[in-house]
Amino acid sequence: NIVIDDELIKIAMKLSGAKNKKEVIHLALKEFVENKKRRNLLDIAGKIRFRDDYNYKRMRERK
């Protein structure tokens, strides 16, 4: 078992529309993980170097 602030749970349930503690905790964890994944992608944005002759439009063309 874990101890979580009841007031915080109530607020999260109200904001999310969750019906119970389990649901609101699941939603919160899911959102946390998705947010971290997005941030990790943003952290690497601009750090990937493509070849000078890279052309995504040409690659999308069907042959």
PDB file of N, CA and C in Angstrom:
ATOM      1  N   ASN A   1       0.824  -1.196   0.000  1.00  0.00           N
ATOM      2  CA  ASN A   1       0.000   0.000   0.000  1.00  0.00           C
ATOM      3  C   ASN A   1       0.860   1.249   0.000  1.00  0.00           C
ATOM      4  N   ILE A   2       0.317   2.296  -0.578  1.00  0.00           N
ATOM      5  CA  ILE A   2       1.007   3.583  -0.587  1.00  0.00           C
ATOM      6  C   ILE A   2       0.080   4.648  -0.024  1.00  0.00           C
ATOM      7  N   VAL A   3       0.676   5.686   0.511  1.00  0.00           N
ATOM      8  CA  VAL A   3      -0.089   6.787   1.081  1.00  0.00           C
ATOM      9  C   VAL A   3      -0.058   7.944   0.093  1.00  0.00           C
ATOM     10  N   ILE A   4      -1.252   8.369  -0.332  1.00  0.00           N
ATOM     11  CA  ILE A   4      -1.369   9.491  -1.264  1.00  0.00           C
ATOM     12  C   ILE A   4      -2.314  10.514  -0.653  1.00  0.00           C
ATOM     13  N   ASP A   5      -1.972  11.769  -0.778  1.00  0.00           N
ATOM     14  CA  ASP A   5      -2.758  12.871  -0.249  1.00  0.00           C
ATOM     15  C   ASP A   5      -4.202  12.774  -0.771  1.00  0.00           C
ATOM     16  N   ASP A   6      -5.169  12.592   0.155  1.00  0.00           N
ATOM     17  CA  ASP A   6      -6.575  12.446  -0.225  1.00  0.00           C
ATOM     18  C   ASP A   6      -7.118  13.674  -0.961  1.00  0.00           C
ATOM     19  N   GLU A   7      -6.694  14.852  -0.552  1.00  0.00           N
ATOM     20  CA  GLU A   7      -7.162  16.078  -1.204  1.00  0.00           C
ATOM     21  C   GLU A   7      -6.666  16.129  -2.656  1.00  0.00           C
ATOM     22  N   LEU A   8      -5.429  15.729  -2.849  1.00  0.00           N
ATOM     23  CA  LEU A   8      -4.862  15.686  -4.197  1.00  0.00           C
ATOM     24  C   LEU A   8      -5.616  14.684  -5.071  1.00  0.00           C
ATOM     25  N   ILE A   9      -5.960  13.553  -4.509  1.00  0.00           N
ATOM     26  CA  ILE A   9      -6.741  12.542  -5.234  1.00  0.00           C
ATOM     27  C   ILE A   9      -8.112  13.112  -5.614  1.00  0.00           C
ATOM     28  N   LYS A  10      -8.756  13.789  -4.689  1.00  0.00           N
ATOM     29  CA  LYS A  10     -10.083  14.365  -4.961  1.00  0.00           C
ATOM     30  C   LYS A  10     -10.016  15.380  -6.099  1.00  0.00           C
ATOM     31  N   ILE A  11      -9.008  16.234  -6.057  1.00  0.00           N
ATOM     32  CA  ILE A  11      -8.852  17.247  -7.100  1.00  0.00           C
ATOM     33  C   ILE A  11      -8.599  16.578  -8.449  1.00  0.00           C
ATOM     34  N   ALA A  12      -7.709  15.601  -8.465  1.00  0.00           N
ATOM     35  CA  ALA A  12      -7.397  14.891  -9.711  1.00  0.00           C
ATOM     36  C   ALA A  12      -8.623  14.170 -10.257  1.00  0.00           C
ATOM     37  N   MET A  13      -9.419  13.582  -9.379  1.00  0.00           N
ATOM     38  CA  MET A  13     -10.629  12.886  -9.811  1.00  0.00           C
ATOM     39  C   MET A  13     -11.623  13.871 -10.418  1.00  0.00           C
ATOM     40  N   LYS A  14     -11.752  15.018  -9.789  1.00  0.00           N
ATOM     41  CA  LYS A  14     -12.680  16.030 -10.293  1.00  0.00           C
ATOM     42  C   LYS A  14     -12.227  16.551 -11.668  1.00  0.00           C
ATOM     43  N   LEU A  15     -10.943  16.834 -11.797  1.00  0.00           N
ATOM     44  CA  LEU A  15     -10.412  17.370 -13.053  1.00  0.00           C
ATOM     45  C   LEU A  15     -10.448  16.349 -14.189  1.00  0.00           C
ATOM     46  N   SER A  16     -10.228  15.086 -13.850  1.00  0.00           N
ATOM     47  CA  SER A  16     -10.137  14.056 -14.887  1.00  0.00           C
ATOM     48  C   SER A  16     -11.462  13.354 -15.172  1.00  0.00           C
ATOM     49  N   GLY A  17     -12.375  13.436 -14.223  1.00  0.00           N
ATOM     50  CA  GLY A  17     -13.623  12.706 -14.382  1.00  0.00           C
ATOM     51  C   GLY A  17     -13.510  11.241 -13.997  1.00  0.00           C
ATOM     52  N   ALA A  18     -12.394  10.875 -13.400  1.00  0.00           N
ATOM     53  CA  ALA A  18     -12.192   9.490 -12.965  1.00  0.00           C
ATOM     54  C   ALA A  18     -13.215   9.126 -11.901  1.00  0.00           C
ATOM     55  N   LYS A  19     -13.635   7.854 -11.909  1.00  0.00           N
ATOM     56  CA  LYS A  19     -14.681   7.395 -10.993  1.00  0.00           C
ATOM     57  C   LYS A  19     -14.149   6.890  -9.656  1.00  0.00           C
ATOM     58  N   ASN A  20     -12.866   6.544  -9.624  1.00  0.00           N
ATOM     59  CA  ASN A  20     -12.303   6.021  -8.373  1.00  0.00           C
ATOM     60  C   ASN A  20     -10.794   6.291  -8.313  1.00  0.00           C
ATOM     61  N   LYS A  21     -10.192   5.972  -7.171  1.00  0.00           N
ATOM     62  CA  LYS A  21      -8.765   6.238  -6.976  1.00  0.00           C
ATOM     63  C   LYS A  21      -7.904   5.466  -7.969  1.00  0.00           C
ATOM     64  N   LYS A  22      -8.244   4.216  -8.186  1.00  0.00           N
ATOM     65  CA  LYS A  22      -7.458   3.384  -9.099  1.00  0.00           C
ATOM     66  C   LYS A  22      -7.427   4.002 -10.497  1.00  0.00           C
ATOM     67  N   GLU A  23      -8.579   4.444 -10.966  1.00  0.00           N
ATOM     68  CA  GLU A  23      -8.664   5.037 -12.301  1.00  0.00           C
ATOM     69  C   GLU A  23      -7.862   6.324 -12.389  1.00  0.00           C
ATOM     70  N   VAL A  24      -7.968   7.182 -11.393  1.00  0.00           N
ATOM     71  CA  VAL A  24      -7.252   8.464 -11.451  1.00  0.00           C
ATOM     72  C   VAL A  24      -5.748   8.244 -11.369  1.00  0.00           C
ATOM     73  N   ILE A  25      -5.303   7.277 -10.601  1.00  0.00           N
ATOM     74  CA  ILE A  25      -3.867   6.989 -10.517  1.00  0.00           C
ATOM     75  C   ILE A  25      -3.376   6.416 -11.838  1.00  0.00           C
ATOM     76  N   HIS A  26      -4.163   5.541 -12.446  1.00  0.00           N
ATOM     77  CA  HIS A  26      -3.803   4.983 -13.748  1.00  0.00           C
ATOM     78  C   HIS A  26      -3.688   6.101 -14.793  1.00  0.00           C
ATOM     79  N   LEU A  27      -4.677   6.992 -14.823  1.00  0.00           N
ATOM     80  CA  LEU A  27      -4.645   8.115 -15.769  1.00  0.00           C
ATOM     81  C   LEU A  27      -3.422   9.007 -15.538  1.00  0.00           C
ATOM     82  N   ALA A  28      -3.136   9.277 -14.281  1.00  0.00           N
ATOM     83  CA  ALA A  28      -2.006  10.147 -13.950  1.00  0.00           C
ATOM     84  C   ALA A  28      -0.684   9.514 -14.375  1.00  0.00           C
ATOM     85  N   LEU A  29      -0.527   8.228 -14.120  1.00  0.00           N
ATOM     86  CA  LEU A  29       0.705   7.545 -14.511  1.00  0.00           C
ATOM     87  C   LEU A  29       0.840   7.485 -16.035  1.00  0.00           C
ATOM     88  N   LYS A  30      -0.262   7.215 -16.709  1.00  0.00           N
ATOM     89  CA  LYS A  30      -0.248   7.148 -18.168  1.00  0.00           C
ATOM     90  C   LYS A  30       0.149   8.505 -18.750  1.00  0.00           C
ATOM     91  N   GLU A  31      -0.437   9.566 -18.230  1.00  0.00           N
ATOM     92  CA  GLU A  31      -0.119  10.912 -18.707  1.00  0.00           C
ATOM     93  C   GLU A  31       1.333  11.268 -18.410  1.00  0.00           C
ATOM     94  N   PHE A  32       1.826  10.880 -17.242  1.00  0.00           N
ATOM     95  CA  PHE A  32       3.212  11.141 -16.871  1.00  0.00           C
ATOM     96  C   PHE A  32       4.172  10.475 -17.862  1.00  0.00           C
ATOM     97  N   VAL A  33       3.918   9.206 -18.161  1.00  0.00           N
ATOM     98  CA  VAL A  33       4.783   8.452 -19.079  1.00  0.00           C
ATOM     99  C   VAL A  33       4.750   9.070 -20.476  1.00  0.00           C
ATOM    100  N   GLU A  34       3.560   9.404 -20.963  1.00  0.00           N
ATOM    101  CA  GLU A  34       3.445  10.010 -22.295  1.00  0.00           C
ATOM    102  C   GLU A  34       4.162  11.356 -22.349  1.00  0.00           C
ATOM    103  N   ASN A  35       4.032  12.139 -21.283  1.00  0.00           N
ATOM    104  CA  ASN A  35       4.698  13.441 -21.215  1.00  0.00           C
ATOM    105  C   ASN A  35       6.218  13.270 -21.240  1.00  0.00           C
ATOM    106  N   LYS A  36       6.742  12.321 -20.496  1.00  0.00           N
ATOM    107  CA  LYS A  36       8.187  12.079 -20.465  1.00  0.00           C
ATOM    108  C   LYS A  36       8.685  11.633 -21.837  1.00  0.00           C
ATOM    109  N   LYS A  37       7.915  10.781 -22.521  1.00  0.00           N
ATOM    110  CA  LYS A  37       8.304  10.333 -23.856  1.00  0.00           C
ATOM    111  C   LYS A  37       8.363  11.518 -24.816  1.00  0.00           C
ATOM    112  N   ARG A  38       7.367  12.405 -24.753  1.00  0.00           N
ATOM    113  CA  ARG A  38       7.361  13.600 -25.612  1.00  0.00           C
ATOM    114  C   ARG A  38       8.563  14.483 -25.310  1.00  0.00           C
ATOM    115  N   ARG A  39       8.837  14.671 -24.047  1.00  0.00           N
ATOM    116  CA  ARG A  39       9.976  15.518 -23.669  1.00  0.00           C
ATOM    117  C   ARG A  39      11.288  14.919 -24.159  1.00  0.00           C
ATOM    118  N   ASN A  40      11.401  13.584 -24.077  1.00  0.00           N
ATOM    119  CA  ASN A  40      12.620  12.941 -24.559  1.00  0.00           C
ATOM    120  C   ASN A  40      12.783  13.166 -26.057  1.00  0.00           C
ATOM    121  N   LEU A  41      11.685  13.116 -26.793  1.00  0.00           N
ATOM    122  CA  LEU A  41      11.748  13.395 -28.236  1.00  0.00           C
ATOM    123  C   LEU A  41      12.156  14.838 -28.492  1.00  0.00           C
ATOM    124  N   LEU A  42      11.597  15.752 -27.699  1.00  0.00           N
ATOM    125  CA  LEU A  42      11.947  17.165 -27.867  1.00  0.00           C
ATOM    126  C   LEU A  42      13.412  17.413 -27.530  1.00  0.00           C
ATOM    127  N   ASP A  43      13.940  16.655 -26.562  1.00  0.00           N
ATOM    128  CA  ASP A  43      15.347  16.810 -26.181  1.00  0.00           C
ATOM    129  C   ASP A  43      16.289  16.453 -27.333  1.00  0.00           C
ATOM    130  N   ILE A  44      15.895  15.477 -28.154  1.00  0.00           N
ATOM    131  CA  ILE A  44      16.776  15.084 -29.250  1.00  0.00           C
ATOM    132  C   ILE A  44      16.479  15.838 -30.545  1.00  0.00           C
ATOM    133  N   ALA A  45      15.404  16.616 -30.545  1.00  0.00           N
ATOM    134  CA  ALA A  45      15.053  17.385 -31.743  1.00  0.00           C
ATOM    135  C   ALA A  45      16.197  18.315 -32.115  1.00  0.00           C
ATOM    136  N   GLY A  46      16.539  18.314 -33.366  1.00  0.00           N
ATOM    137  CA  GLY A  46      17.621  19.167 -33.840  1.00  0.00           C
ATOM    138  C   GLY A  46      19.008  18.581 -33.649  1.00  0.00           C
ATOM    139  N   LYS A  47      19.102  17.438 -32.993  1.00  0.00           N
ATOM    140  CA  LYS A  47      20.402  16.815 -32.748  1.00  0.00           C
ATOM    141  C   LYS A  47      20.711  15.715 -33.758  1.00  0.00           C
ATOM    142  N   ILE A  48      19.729  15.374 -34.563  1.00  0.00           N
ATOM    143  CA  ILE A  48      19.934  14.334 -35.565  1.00  0.00           C
ATOM    144  C   ILE A  48      20.370  15.018 -36.857  1.00  0.00           C
ATOM    145  N   ARG A  49      21.470  14.581 -37.371  1.00  0.00           N
ATOM    146  CA  ARG A  49      21.995  15.180 -38.602  1.00  0.00           C
ATOM    147  C   ARG A  49      21.700  14.241 -39.771  1.00  0.00           C
ATOM    148  N   PHE A  50      21.084  14.790 -40.782  1.00  0.00           N
ATOM    149  CA  PHE A  50      20.757  14.021 -41.971  1.00  0.00           C
ATOM    150  C   PHE A  50      21.828  14.234 -43.040  1.00  0.00           C
ATOM    151  N   ARG A  51      21.919  13.276 -43.927  1.00  0.00           N
ATOM    152  CA  ARG A  51      22.842  13.419 -45.051  1.00  0.00           C
ATOM    153  C   ARG A  51      22.427  14.621 -45.887  1.00  0.00           C
ATOM    154  N   ASP A  52      23.367  15.261 -46.510  1.00  0.00           N
ATOM    155  CA  ASP A  52      23.077  16.440 -47.325  1.00  0.00           C
ATOM    156  C   ASP A  52      22.142  16.117 -48.487  1.00  0.00           C
ATOM    157  N   ASP A  53      22.211  14.889 -49.004  1.00  0.00           N
ATOM    158  CA  ASP A  53      21.374  14.518 -50.141  1.00  0.00           C
ATOM    159  C   ASP A  53      20.066  13.845 -49.717  1.00  0.00           C
ATOM    160  N   TYR A  54      19.736  13.905 -48.436  1.00  0.00           N
ATOM    161  CA  TYR A  54      18.505  13.290 -47.928  1.00  0.00           C
ATOM    162  C   TYR A  54      17.292  14.041 -48.473  1.00  0.00           C
ATOM    163  N   ASN A  55      16.335  13.292 -49.031  1.00  0.00           N
ATOM    164  CA  ASN A  55      15.148  13.909 -49.603  1.00  0.00           C
ATOM    165  C   ASN A  55      13.945  13.031 -49.242  1.00  0.00           C
ATOM    166  N   TYR A  56      13.223  13.411 -48.206  1.00  0.00           N
ATOM    167  CA  TYR A  56      12.099  12.594 -47.750  1.00  0.00           C
ATOM    168  C   TYR A  56      10.979  12.537 -48.785  1.00  0.00           C
ATOM    169  N   LYS A  57      10.826  13.587 -49.564  1.00  0.00           N
ATOM    170  CA  LYS A  57       9.764  13.588 -50.578  1.00  0.00           C
ATOM    171  C   LYS A  57      10.040  12.529 -51.646  1.00  0.00           C
ATOM    172  N   ARG A  58      11.278  12.422 -52.050  1.00  0.00           N
ATOM    173  CA  ARG A  58      11.636  11.426 -53.049  1.00  0.00           C
ATOM    174  C   ARG A  58      11.416  10.016 -52.484  1.00  0.00           C
ATOM    175  N   MET A  59      11.710   9.828 -51.212  1.00  0.00           N
ATOM    176  CA  MET A  59      11.544   8.512 -50.589  1.00  0.00           C
ATOM    177  C   MET A  59      10.071   8.117 -50.504  1.00  0.00           C
ATOM    178  N   ARG A  60       9.180   9.090 -50.421  1.00  0.00           N
ATOM    179  CA  ARG A  60       7.751   8.809 -50.306  1.00  0.00           C
ATOM    180  C   ARG A  60       7.098   8.460 -51.640  1.00  0.00           C
ATOM    181  N   GLU A  61       7.756   8.829 -52.713  1.00  0.00           N
ATOM    182  CA  GLU A  61       7.194   8.547 -54.035  1.00  0.00           C
ATOM    183  C   GLU A  61       7.129   7.046 -54.264  1.00  0.00           C
ATOM    184  N   ARG A  62       6.021   6.617 -54.843  1.00  0.00           N
ATOM    185  CA  ARG A  62       5.885   5.202 -55.187  1.00  0.00           C
ATOM    186  C   ARG A  62       6.541   4.966 -56.531  1.00  0.00           C
ATOM    187  N   LYS A  63       7.153   3.839 -56.653  1.00  0.00           N
ATOM    188  CA  LYS A  63       7.844   3.520 -57.911  1.00  0.00           C
ATOM    189  C   LYS A  63       7.057   2.553 -58.730  1.00  0.00           C
TER     190      LYS A  63
END
